[in-house]
Amino acid sequence: LKKDGWKISYFARYQDDFVTILRTATPHKLPPFTPCVFKNPSKYPSPKVVFRIYGKENLLAKNMNLPDCESIERFLLEQDLCPSFGIIPQT
């Protein structure tokens, strides 16, 4: 990733289409934002279990390539695919 300028080629980057629009856009004023006051005990979201959908044994051809199991590309790819398969994390 570092040699590619930290760009991941596996995903469409829809936000890149709006760069010229954002450069010419007029910013608008937002009301002041005050974060919530910390109260103990606060409720925080539960940790999400990360699991792997596929492995190298699932490849049909030997010349097919997947990112390594521990790589960020693999995690991002699976994170992008989960909604497509209707896999919803339990909360």
C-alpha atoms as a PDB file:
ATOM      1  CA  LEU A   1       0.000   0.000   0.000  1.00  0.00           C
ATOM      2  CA  LYS A   2       2.757   2.434   0.874  1.00  0.00           C
ATOM      3  CA  LYS A   3       4.387   2.157  -2.565  1.00  0.00           C
ATOM      4  CA  ASP A   4       0.966   2.794  -4.196  1.00  0.00           C
ATOM      5  CA  GLY A   5       0.498   6.018  -2.251  1.00  0.00           C
ATOM      6  CA  TRP A   6      -1.847   4.272   0.236  1.00  0.00           C
ATOM      7  CA  LYS A   7      -4.469   3.795  -2.507  1.00  0.00           C
ATOM      8  CA  ILE A   8      -6.452   0.571  -2.492  1.00  0.00           C
ATOM      9  CA  SER A   9      -7.415  -0.567  -5.972  1.00  0.00           C
ATOM     10  CA  TYR A  10     -10.017  -3.099  -4.788  1.00  0.00           C
ATOM     11  CA  PHE A  11     -12.694  -0.492  -4.092  1.00  0.00           C
ATOM     12  CA  ALA A  12     -14.447   2.223  -6.048  1.00  0.00           C
ATOM     13  CA  ARG A  13     -13.689   5.629  -4.563  1.00  0.00           C
ATOM     14  CA  TYR A  14     -16.926   7.501  -5.169  1.00  0.00           C
ATOM     15  CA  GLN A  15     -15.773  10.490  -3.128  1.00  0.00           C
ATOM     16  CA  ASP A  16     -13.078  11.212  -5.742  1.00  0.00           C
ATOM     17  CA  ASP A  17     -15.801  12.174  -8.242  1.00  0.00           C
ATOM     18  CA  PHE A  18     -16.788  15.124  -6.071  1.00  0.00           C
ATOM     19  CA  VAL A  19     -13.344  16.722  -5.640  1.00  0.00           C
ATOM     20  CA  THR A  20     -13.940  19.472  -8.232  1.00  0.00           C
ATOM     21  CA  ILE A  21     -17.435  20.152  -6.895  1.00  0.00           C
ATOM     22  CA  LEU A  22     -16.111  20.453  -3.345  1.00  0.00           C
ATOM     23  CA  ARG A  23     -13.346  22.851  -4.420  1.00  0.00           C
ATOM     24  CA  THR A  24     -15.884  25.293  -5.895  1.00  0.00           C
ATOM     25  CA  ALA A  25     -18.605  24.788  -3.278  1.00  0.00           C
ATOM     26  CA  THR A  26     -19.523  27.560  -0.880  1.00  0.00           C
ATOM     27  CA  PRO A  27     -19.155  26.462   2.728  1.00  0.00           C
ATOM     28  CA  HIS A  28     -22.153  27.129   4.930  1.00  0.00           C
ATOM     29  CA  LYS A  29     -22.139  27.964   8.605  1.00  0.00           C
ATOM     30  CA  LEU A  30     -22.985  25.241  11.052  1.00  0.00           C
ATOM     31  CA  PRO A  31     -24.316  25.794  14.553  1.00  0.00           C
ATOM     32  CA  PRO A  32     -21.816  25.252  17.361  1.00  0.00           C
ATOM     33  CA  PHE A  33     -21.404  21.638  18.414  1.00  0.00           C
ATOM     34  CA  THR A  34     -21.140  20.674  22.062  1.00  0.00           C
ATOM     35  CA  PRO A  35     -20.151  17.066  22.742  1.00  0.00           C
ATOM     36  CA  CYS A  36     -22.076  15.069  25.315  1.00  0.00           C
ATOM     37  CA  VAL A  37     -20.930  15.287  28.901  1.00  0.00           C
ATOM     38  CA  PHE A  38     -19.245  12.103  30.080  1.00  0.00           C
ATOM     39  CA  LYS A  39     -21.373  10.170  32.555  1.00  0.00           C
ATOM     40  CA  ASN A  40     -20.195   7.102  34.322  1.00  0.00           C
ATOM     41  CA  PRO A  41     -21.299   4.423  33.456  1.00  0.00           C
ATOM     42  CA  SER A  42     -21.750   5.362  29.805  1.00  0.00           C
ATOM     43  CA  LYS A  43     -22.995   2.840  27.273  1.00  0.00           C
ATOM     44  CA  TYR A  44     -20.575   2.222  24.446  1.00  0.00           C
ATOM     45  CA  PRO A  45     -21.116  -0.054  21.452  1.00  0.00           C
ATOM     46  CA  SER A  46     -20.038  -3.637  21.934  1.00  0.00           C
ATOM     47  CA  PRO A  47     -16.892  -4.755  20.146  1.00  0.00           C
ATOM     48  CA  LYS A  48     -17.526  -6.242  16.713  1.00  0.00           C
ATOM     49  CA  VAL A  49     -16.300  -9.739  15.970  1.00  0.00           C
ATOM     50  CA  VAL A  50     -14.152  -9.856  12.844  1.00  0.00           C
ATOM     51  CA  PHE A  51     -14.439 -13.079  10.876  1.00  0.00           C
ATOM     52  CA  ARG A  52     -13.190 -14.252   7.523  1.00  0.00           C
ATOM     53  CA  ILE A  53     -15.643 -15.093   4.734  1.00  0.00           C
ATOM     54  CA  TYR A  54     -13.216 -16.951   2.512  1.00  0.00           C
ATOM     55  CA  GLY A  55      -9.759 -18.459   2.522  1.00  0.00           C
ATOM     56  CA  LYS A  56      -7.159 -19.528   0.000  1.00  0.00           C
ATOM     57  CA  GLU A  57      -8.689 -23.007  -0.043  1.00  0.00           C
ATOM     58  CA  ASN A  58     -11.847 -21.475  -1.592  1.00  0.00           C
ATOM     59  CA  LEU A  59     -10.031 -20.352  -4.758  1.00  0.00           C
ATOM     60  CA  LEU A  60     -10.932 -22.280  -7.887  1.00  0.00           C
ATOM     61  CA  ALA A  61      -7.706 -21.648  -9.779  1.00  0.00           C
ATOM     62  CA  LYS A  62      -4.202 -21.797  -8.338  1.00  0.00           C
ATOM     63  CA  ASN A  63      -3.218 -18.551 -10.077  1.00  0.00           C
ATOM     64  CA  MET A  64      -5.953 -16.520  -8.340  1.00  0.00           C
ATOM     65  CA  ASN A  65      -4.595 -14.171  -5.713  1.00  0.00           C
ATOM     66  CA  LEU A  66      -6.103 -12.913  -2.463  1.00  0.00           C
ATOM     67  CA  PRO A  67      -4.656 -10.447   0.013  1.00  0.00           C
ATOM     68  CA  ASP A  68      -3.089 -12.095   3.072  1.00  0.00           C
ATOM     69  CA  CYS A  69      -5.484 -12.944   5.926  1.00  0.00           C
ATOM     70  CA  GLU A  70      -3.965 -10.343   8.239  1.00  0.00           C
ATOM     71  CA  SER A  71      -3.794  -7.524   5.662  1.00  0.00           C
ATOM     72  CA  ILE A  72      -5.919  -4.389   5.782  1.00  0.00           C
ATOM     73  CA  GLU A  73      -6.923  -4.920   2.142  1.00  0.00           C
ATOM     74  CA  ARG A  74      -8.475  -8.276   3.037  1.00  0.00           C
ATOM     75  CA  PHE A  75     -10.330  -6.780   6.005  1.00  0.00           C
ATOM     76  CA  LEU A  76     -11.646  -3.883   3.896  1.00  0.00           C
ATOM     77  CA  LEU A  77     -12.674  -6.189   1.068  1.00  0.00           C
ATOM     78  CA  GLU A  78     -14.650  -8.437   3.409  1.00  0.00           C
ATOM     79  CA  GLN A  79     -16.152  -5.424   5.167  1.00  0.00           C
ATOM     80  CA  ASP A  80     -17.329  -4.171   1.774  1.00  0.00           C
ATOM     81  CA  LEU A  81     -18.741  -7.595   0.793  1.00  0.00           C
ATOM     82  CA  CYS A  82     -20.669  -8.361   4.009  1.00  0.00           C
ATOM     83  CA  PRO A  83     -23.622  -6.042   3.227  1.00  0.00           C
ATOM     84  CA  SER A  84     -23.850  -7.536  -0.278  1.00  0.00           C
ATOM     85  CA  PHE A  85     -24.429 -10.984   1.191  1.00  0.00           C
ATOM     86  CA  GLY A  86     -26.899  -9.757   3.792  1.00  0.00           C
ATOM     87  CA  ILE A  87     -24.517 -10.396   6.671  1.00  0.00           C
ATOM     88  CA  ILE A  88     -25.496  -7.954   9.408  1.00  0.00           C
ATOM     89  CA  PRO A  89     -23.341  -7.645  12.533  1.00  0.00           C
ATOM     90  CA  GLN A  90     -25.186  -8.530  15.728  1.00  0.00           C
ATOM     91  CA  THR A  91     -25.404  -5.710  18.274  1.00  0.00           C
END
